[in-house]
PDB file of N, CA and C in Angstrom:
ATOM      1  N   MET A   1      31.542-200.688 216.186  1.00  0.00           N
ATOM      2  CA  MET A   1      30.929-199.605 215.983  1.00  0.00           C
ATOM      3  C   MET A   1      31.357-198.947 214.869  1.00  0.00           C
ATOM      4  N   LYS A   2      30.271-198.681 213.949  1.00  0.00           N
ATOM      5  CA  LYS A   2      30.751-197.958 212.618  1.00  0.00           C
ATOM      6  C   LYS A   2      30.003-196.388 212.611  1.00  0.00           C
ATOM      7  N   VAL A   3      30.788-195.492 212.516  1.00  0.00           N
ATOM      8  CA  VAL A   3      30.485-194.169 212.448  1.00  0.00           C
ATOM      9  C   VAL A   3      30.413-193.570 211.052  1.00  0.00           C
ATOM     10  N   THR A   4      29.296-192.570 210.538  1.00  0.00           N
ATOM     11  CA  THR A   4      29.489-192.282 209.465  1.00  0.00           C
ATOM     12  C   THR A   4      28.855-190.395 209.665  1.00  0.00           C
ATOM     13  N   ALA A   5      29.493-189.456 208.817  1.00  0.00           N
ATOM     14  CA  ALA A   5      29.072-188.367 209.125  1.00  0.00           C
ATOM     15  C   ALA A   5      28.698-187.611 207.761  1.00  0.00           C
ATOM     16  N   ASP A   6      27.597-187.182 207.597  1.00  0.00           N
ATOM     17  CA  ASP A   6      27.007-186.770 206.118  1.00  0.00           C
ATOM     18  C   ASP A   6      27.706-185.119 206.161  1.00  0.00           C
ATOM     19  N   GLN A   7      28.513-184.801 205.459  1.00  0.00           N
ATOM     20  CA  GLN A   7      29.116-183.434 205.180  1.00  0.00           C
ATOM     21  C   GLN A   7      27.918-182.804 204.579  1.00  0.00           C
ATOM     22  N   ASP A   8      27.165-183.103 203.886  1.00  0.00           N
ATOM     23  CA  ASP A   8      26.127-182.150 202.984  1.00  0.00           C
ATOM     24  C   ASP A   8      24.985-182.044 204.023  1.00  0.00           C
ATOM     25  N   LYS A   9      24.833-182.911 204.960  1.00  0.00           N
ATOM     26  CA  LYS A   9      23.456-182.548 205.715  1.00  0.00           C
ATOM     27  C   LYS A   9      24.148-181.671 207.145  1.00  0.00           C
ATOM     28  N   CYS A  10      25.479-181.613 207.397  1.00  0.00           N
ATOM     29  CA  CYS A  10      26.355-180.621 208.769  1.00  0.00           C
ATOM     30  C   CYS A  10      25.950-179.454 208.309  1.00  0.00           C
ATOM     31  N   ILE A  11      25.395-178.679 209.605  1.00  0.00           N
ATOM     32  CA  ILE A  11      25.260-177.540 209.387  1.00  0.00           C
ATOM     33  C   ILE A  11      26.437-176.493 210.121  1.00  0.00           C
ATOM     34  N   GLY A  12      27.653-177.494 210.932  1.00  0.00           N
ATOM     35  CA  GLY A  12      28.472-176.699 211.655  1.00  0.00           C
ATOM     36  C   GLY A  12      28.236-176.319 212.794  1.00  0.00           C
ATOM     37  N   ALA A  13      27.363-177.029 213.549  1.00  0.00           N
ATOM     38  CA  ALA A  13      27.098-176.690 214.828  1.00  0.00           C
ATOM     39  C   ALA A  13      28.176-176.996 215.946  1.00  0.00           C
ATOM     40  N   GLY A  14      28.897-178.082 215.484  1.00  0.00           N
ATOM     41  CA  GLY A  14      29.966-178.477 216.497  1.00  0.00           C
ATOM     42  C   GLY A  14      29.822-179.356 217.793  1.00  0.00           C
ATOM     43  N   GLN A  15      28.607-179.661 218.027  1.00  0.00           N
ATOM     44  CA  GLN A  15      28.034-180.394 219.148  1.00  0.00           C
ATOM     45  C   GLN A  15      29.164-181.706 219.097  1.00  0.00           C
ATOM     46  N   CYS A  16      29.183-182.363 218.085  1.00  0.00           N
ATOM     47  CA  CYS A  16      29.811-183.485 217.940  1.00  0.00           C
ATOM     48  C   CYS A  16      31.582-183.302 218.529  1.00  0.00           C
ATOM     49  N   VAL A  17      32.115-182.380 218.094  1.00  0.00           N
ATOM     50  CA  VAL A  17      33.363-182.209 218.486  1.00  0.00           C
ATOM     51  C   VAL A  17      33.397-181.728 219.895  1.00  0.00           C
ATOM     52  N   LEU A  18      32.584-180.995 220.494  1.00  0.00           N
ATOM     53  CA  LEU A  18      32.624-180.810 221.945  1.00  0.00           C
ATOM     54  C   LEU A  18      32.106-181.992 222.838  1.00  0.00           C
ATOM     55  N   THR A  19      31.467-182.879 222.044  1.00  0.00           N
ATOM     56  CA  THR A  19      31.391-184.242 222.780  1.00  0.00           C
ATOM     57  C   THR A  19      32.426-185.231 222.896  1.00  0.00           C
ATOM     58  N   VAL A  20      33.022-185.506 221.567  1.00  0.00           N
ATOM     59  CA  VAL A  20      34.197-186.477 221.695  1.00  0.00           C
ATOM     60  C   VAL A  20      34.865-185.941 220.527  1.00  0.00           C
ATOM     61  N   GLU A  21      36.033-185.261 220.906  1.00  0.00           N
ATOM     62  CA  GLU A  21      37.020-184.750 219.666  1.00  0.00           C
ATOM     63  C   GLU A  21      37.767-185.928 219.463  1.00  0.00           C
ATOM     64  N   GLN A  22      37.991-186.918 219.970  1.00  0.00           N
ATOM     65  CA  GLN A  22      38.875-188.132 219.662  1.00  0.00           C
ATOM     66  C   GLN A  22      38.105-188.613 218.340  1.00  0.00           C
ATOM     67  N   VAL A  23      37.086-188.382 217.872  1.00  0.00           N
ATOM     68  CA  VAL A  23      36.279-188.868 216.898  1.00  0.00           C
ATOM     69  C   VAL A  23      35.776-187.890 215.727  1.00  0.00           C
ATOM     70  N   PHE A  24      35.538-186.627 216.220  1.00  0.00           N
ATOM     71  CA  PHE A  24      35.209-185.648 215.245  1.00  0.00           C
ATOM     72  C   PHE A  24      36.083-184.439 215.340  1.00  0.00           C
ATOM     73  N   ASP A  25      35.955-183.798 214.179  1.00  0.00           N
ATOM     74  CA  ASP A  25      36.677-182.375 214.237  1.00  0.00           C
ATOM     75  C   ASP A  25      36.055-181.793 213.284  1.00  0.00           C
ATOM     76  N   GLN A  26      36.263-180.259 212.957  1.00  0.00           N
ATOM     77  CA  GLN A  26      35.320-179.372 211.968  1.00  0.00           C
ATOM     78  C   GLN A  26      36.641-178.949 211.143  1.00  0.00           C
ATOM     79  N   ARG A  27      36.025-178.552 209.847  1.00  0.00           N
ATOM     80  CA  ARG A  27      36.772-177.849 208.518  1.00  0.00           C
ATOM     81  C   ARG A  27      37.073-176.488 209.350  1.00  0.00           C
ATOM     82  N   ASP A  28      38.332-175.908 209.221  1.00  0.00           N
ATOM     83  CA  ASP A  28      38.505-174.515 209.528  1.00  0.00           C
ATOM     84  C   ASP A  28      37.695-173.462 208.671  1.00  0.00           C
ATOM     85  N   GLU A  29      37.424-173.629 207.448  1.00  0.00           N
ATOM     86  CA  GLU A  29      36.952-172.868 206.485  1.00  0.00           C
ATOM     87  C   GLU A  29      35.354-172.843 206.920  1.00  0.00           C
ATOM     88  N   ASP A  30      34.818-173.583 207.447  1.00  0.00           N
ATOM     89  CA  ASP A  30      33.217-173.658 207.115  1.00  0.00           C
ATOM     90  C   ASP A  30      32.679-174.403 208.184  1.00  0.00           C
ATOM     91  N   GLY A  31      33.393-174.993 209.271  1.00  0.00           N
ATOM     92  CA  GLY A  31      33.003-175.469 210.464  1.00  0.00           C
ATOM     93  C   GLY A  31      32.187-177.045 210.193  1.00  0.00           C
ATOM     94  N   ILE A  32      32.312-177.798 208.734  1.00  0.00           N
ATOM     95  CA  ILE A  32      31.580-178.679 208.510  1.00  0.00           C
ATOM     96  C   ILE A  32      32.279-179.839 209.151  1.00  0.00           C
ATOM     97  N   VAL A  33      31.687-180.882 209.681  1.00  0.00           N
ATOM     98  CA  VAL A  33      32.214-182.042 210.237  1.00  0.00           C
ATOM     99  C   VAL A  33      33.323-182.816 209.584  1.00  0.00           C
ATOM    100  N   VAL A  34      34.365-183.242 210.096  1.00  0.00           N
ATOM    101  CA  VAL A  34      35.402-184.164 209.611  1.00  0.00           C
ATOM    102  C   VAL A  34      35.287-185.500 210.716  1.00  0.00           C
ATOM    103  N   LEU A  35      35.379-186.517 210.004  1.00  0.00           N
ATOM    104  CA  LEU A  35      35.303-187.751 210.898  1.00  0.00           C
ATOM    105  C   LEU A  35      36.535-188.346 210.810  1.00  0.00           C
ATOM    106  N   LEU A  36      37.156-188.201 212.230  1.00  0.00           N
ATOM    107  CA  LEU A  36      38.684-188.330 212.445  1.00  0.00           C
ATOM    108  C   LEU A  36      38.649-190.100 212.756  1.00  0.00           C
ATOM    109  N   ASN A  37      37.790-190.892 213.210  1.00  0.00           N
ATOM    110  CA  ASN A  37      37.822-192.319 213.342  1.00  0.00           C
ATOM    111  C   ASN A  37      36.465-192.593 212.929  1.00  0.00           C
ATOM    112  N   PRO A  38      36.343-193.496 211.845  1.00  0.00           N
ATOM    113  CA  PRO A  38      35.099-194.106 211.592  1.00  0.00           C
ATOM    114  C   PRO A  38      34.903-195.463 212.560  1.00  0.00           C
ATOM    115  N   GLU A  39      35.768-196.044 213.081  1.00  0.00           N
ATOM    116  CA  GLU A  39      35.683-197.028 214.106  1.00  0.00           C
ATOM    117  C   GLU A  39      36.222-196.665 215.386  1.00  0.00           C
ATOM    118  N   PRO A  40      35.381-195.904 216.155  1.00  0.00           N
ATOM    119  CA  PRO A  40      36.032-195.760 217.380  1.00  0.00           C
ATOM    120  C   PRO A  40      36.134-196.724 218.304  1.00  0.00           C
ATOM    121  N   ALA A  41      36.955-196.472 219.602  1.00  0.00           N
ATOM    122  CA  ALA A  41      37.238-197.585 220.708  1.00  0.00           C
ATOM    123  C   ALA A  41      35.888-197.577 221.341  1.00  0.00           C
ATOM    124  N   GLU A  42      35.469-198.564 222.009  1.00  0.00           N
ATOM    125  CA  GLU A  42      34.602-198.744 222.772  1.00  0.00           C
ATOM    126  C   GLU A  42      34.628-197.950 223.600  1.00  0.00           C
ATOM    127  N   GLU A  43      35.515-197.393 224.367  1.00  0.00           N
ATOM    128  CA  GLU A  43      35.435-196.624 225.487  1.00  0.00           C
ATOM    129  C   GLU A  43      34.908-195.162 225.007  1.00  0.00           C
ATOM    130  N   HIS A  44      34.976-195.001 223.762  1.00  0.00           N
ATOM    131  CA  HIS A  44      34.144-193.680 223.110  1.00  0.00           C
ATOM    132  C   HIS A  44      32.875-193.861 222.873  1.00  0.00           C
ATOM    133  N   ALA A  45      31.846-195.406 222.943  1.00  0.00           N
ATOM    134  CA  ALA A  45      30.824-195.553 222.418  1.00  0.00           C
ATOM    135  C   ALA A  45      29.670-194.656 223.098  1.00  0.00           C
ATOM    136  N   GLU A  46      29.787-194.217 224.303  1.00  0.00           N
ATOM    137  CA  GLU A  46      28.640-193.635 224.817  1.00  0.00           C
ATOM    138  C   GLU A  46      28.635-192.359 224.285  1.00  0.00           C
ATOM    139  N   ALA A  47      29.965-191.668 224.398  1.00  0.00           N
ATOM    140  CA  ALA A  47      29.941-190.138 223.796  1.00  0.00           C
ATOM    141  C   ALA A  47      29.522-190.128 222.413  1.00  0.00           C
ATOM    142  N   VAL A  48      29.813-191.107 221.666  1.00  0.00           N
ATOM    143  CA  VAL A  48      29.446-191.160 219.856  1.00  0.00           C
ATOM    144  C   VAL A  48      27.944-191.286 219.815  1.00  0.00           C
ATOM    145  N   HIS A  49      27.565-191.905 220.702  1.00  0.00           N
ATOM    146  CA  HIS A  49      25.857-191.981 220.841  1.00  0.00           C
ATOM    147  C   HIS A  49      25.275-190.771 220.824  1.00  0.00           C
ATOM    148  N   GLN A  50      25.746-190.070 222.022  1.00  0.00           N
ATOM    149  CA  GLN A  50      25.241-188.863 222.488  1.00  0.00           C
ATOM    150  C   GLN A  50      25.676-187.850 221.490  1.00  0.00           C
ATOM    151  N   ALA A  51      27.038-187.761 220.737  1.00  0.00           N
ATOM    152  CA  ALA A  51      27.050-186.773 219.816  1.00  0.00           C
ATOM    153  C   ALA A  51      26.016-187.007 218.782  1.00  0.00           C
ATOM    154  N   ALA A  52      25.848-188.294 218.205  1.00  0.00           N
ATOM    155  CA  ALA A  52      24.616-188.244 217.025  1.00  0.00           C
ATOM    156  C   ALA A  52      23.414-187.887 217.466  1.00  0.00           C
ATOM    157  N   ALA A  53      23.021-188.238 218.681  1.00  0.00           N
ATOM    158  CA  ALA A  53      21.565-187.760 219.453  1.00  0.00           C
ATOM    159  C   ALA A  53      21.406-186.128 219.376  1.00  0.00           C
ATOM    160  N   MET A  54      22.707-185.437 219.568  1.00  0.00           N
ATOM    161  CA  MET A  54      22.740-184.140 219.860  1.00  0.00           C
ATOM    162  C   MET A  54      22.695-183.394 218.585  1.00  0.00           C
ATOM    163  N   CYS A  55      23.220-183.890 217.642  1.00  0.00           N
ATOM    164  CA  CYS A  55      23.295-183.406 216.172  1.00  0.00           C
ATOM    165  C   CYS A  55      22.131-182.655 215.501  1.00  0.00           C
ATOM    166  N   PRO A  56      22.125-181.263 215.594  1.00  0.00           N
ATOM    167  CA  PRO A  56      20.723-180.657 215.114  1.00  0.00           C
ATOM    168  C   PRO A  56      20.367-181.040 213.764  1.00  0.00           C
ATOM    169  N   SER A  57      21.056-181.371 212.825  1.00  0.00           N
ATOM    170  CA  SER A  57      20.890-181.679 211.452  1.00  0.00           C
ATOM    171  C   SER A  57      20.809-183.290 210.983  1.00  0.00           C
ATOM    172  N   GLY A  58      21.119-183.929 212.100  1.00  0.00           N
ATOM    173  CA  GLY A  58      20.980-185.579 211.940  1.00  0.00           C
ATOM    174  C   GLY A  58      22.270-186.170 211.012  1.00  0.00           C
ATOM    175  N   ALA A  59      23.296-185.494 210.985  1.00  0.00           N
ATOM    176  CA  ALA A  59      24.212-185.809 210.215  1.00  0.00           C
ATOM    177  C   ALA A  59      25.241-187.163 210.634  1.00  0.00           C
ATOM    178  N   ILE A  60      25.063-187.503 211.756  1.00  0.00           N
ATOM    179  CA  ILE A  60      25.984-188.739 212.220  1.00  0.00           C
ATOM    180  C   ILE A  60      25.082-189.781 212.336  1.00  0.00           C
ATOM    181  N   THR A  61      25.727-190.942 211.763  1.00  0.00           N
ATOM    182  CA  THR A  61      24.898-192.110 211.983  1.00  0.00           C
ATOM    183  C   THR A  61      25.706-193.278 212.822  1.00  0.00           C
ATOM    184  N   VAL A  62      25.244-194.109 213.832  1.00  0.00           N
ATOM    185  CA  VAL A  62      26.131-194.750 214.308  1.00  0.00           C
ATOM    186  C   VAL A  62      25.614-196.532 214.138  1.00  0.00           C
ATOM    187  N   GLU A  63      26.425-197.275 213.696  1.00  0.00           N
ATOM    188  CA  GLU A  63      25.862-198.656 213.614  1.00  0.00           C
ATOM    189  C   GLU A  63      26.869-199.456 214.562  1.00  0.00           C
ATOM    190  N   ASP A  64      26.021-200.333 215.524  1.00  0.00           N
ATOM    191  CA  ASP A  64      26.675-200.987 216.459  1.00  0.00           C
ATOM    192  C   ASP A  64      26.829-202.347 216.006  1.00  0.00           C
TER     193      ASP A  64
END
């Protein structure tokens, strides 16, 4: 699995961080997504897909 997060699209809603904090974080100054792990473990696959689906700006892309 490969995850990308487009910081230009991100609006700082934080749903990704709430869904899987092992993969996503937010910058303190503006809440924009920070990708902690672009190739997360399989155990996080379901949560990563959920985070991508919940992202209101479509900033998260997952390739299996």
